[in-house]
Amino acid sequence: MSAVLEFLEFIEQPGQQSVRELLDRVLLKAREMTGAEAGSIFIVRKSGKQDWLVANSIQNDAIKLSKADFRIPVVPTSIAGYVASTAETVLIDDLYTIPKNVPFDFDQSFDKATGYRSRSMLAFPLTNFQKKVIGVVQLINRHKGKRKTPAAFDEKQADLILPFNQIVGRVIERADMLEQINKRNKDLRVKNKTLRAQQLQIEELQKDTEEAFMVSIRLLARAAEVHDEDTGNHIIRCNEYAFLMAKKVGMPADFCREISFSAQLHDIGKMSVNSAILTKRGRLDEDERYEMNQHTSYGNQILARSDRLNMAAEIALSHHEQWDGGGYPEGLKGEQIPISARILGIADIYDALRSERAYKPAFSHEKTFQILTVGDDRLDPTQHFEPKLLQVFKENHEEFNQIRKRLED
């Protein structure tokens, strides 16, 4: 098993983990791999106009630590702030003899308060799929050998740990998003109870609930994408393409409104697919392809529990079905496929062709139009799409192009 897969298997244990528990596991594993005696993980949080690094996990084998959190601004005058600002990795042999020609310095207040002596440090960023820094890991006081002889971190330790920074960053971002969803829903339940107790107007309650519902849907859709390098605004564009198609084909207003927020959840089932498969470079083998295709069924199982998400559930299940019956997971044919899924099938493929992937460049609107309407060696539009919907696309393809330009990544 590769080091990357071993690391993922370690941090993604069965069952729910809080963000704090996940960070503790990540930090412990990073310390074990590098021989670090101590360390900390900071997560980037925004407060007003300022970004802050909030310490979420602190470990030290030499002294007993309190659980109090602290934060530092994301500015390059501190080591963690410098890493967050520049996305660079920092290696320091002796924290008390940092050269004067660097912009950062070491804050000795922790050592003075605890009597601990910090020496060497390896600090590196955690990034998400958009390459944005979402956190910083600091590993302190490397030891080596059975006698735990003090040693400095070197490029070997940096090379060992750096391949995990983006993978771990994505896993942490996903857990953080799901925790935000749970917190939002908990806050909503408390607020609803308070509103009922105060006998406020039912319209106010419905409005607030609907807003929270939409926020939860957007967060849930984003959480499903954290393993994808090239999604960007894909889910937002799919909402708009689907809404446009539904209007042009003459669907009722309620249908159009529902598909305008349901479309973004079409790949929610990928949250249940093994992350190593989602991030694999190159062709999937037969077993991996079977597991990847299960995301349609997984998505349906997640969404079918809510009456408000019936359309989203049918889209998640059927958006890879094909007009001639050659799709999956059920091989539905023609009008057996829900029209919401038929619409999303065109929208999804259009945006995928317009987007860069590991195996292909981003295609122009003209080339994408050619593939969808005439076909190529991988796609036959007469087999994939309902003729009526394909005709609607042909007549309104320039509006697709305008949506893509307006919501470019």
Foldseek 3Di string as FASTA:
>chain_A
DDPQVVLVPQLPDPDADALLRSQQSNQVVLCVLQQFQWKWKWFWDDDPPWIKTKTSDTDGNPDDDDRDIDIDTLDCAAPFSVCLVPQDKDKFQALVCDDPPGNYHYDCPVCVVGVDHWTIKIKGFAAFLQRHGGMMMIGTFHFDDPVRHTDGGDVVSVVSPVVCRHVSSLVSVLSVLVVVLVVLVVVLVVVVVVCVVVVDDVVVNVVVVVVNVLVSLVSLLVSLCRLPNWCQCVLQLLLVQLLVLCVLVPHDPVVSVLSSSLLSLLQSLSVVAPSCLSNDPDDDDPVSVVSSLCSLVSSLVVQVVDPSNPLSSLLNNQLQAFQCQPGDDPSDHHPVRPVSSLSSNLSNQLVVCQICDSVGHGDDLVVSLCCCQPNDPVDDNVTGHDPVSNVSCVVCVVVSVVSCVVSPD
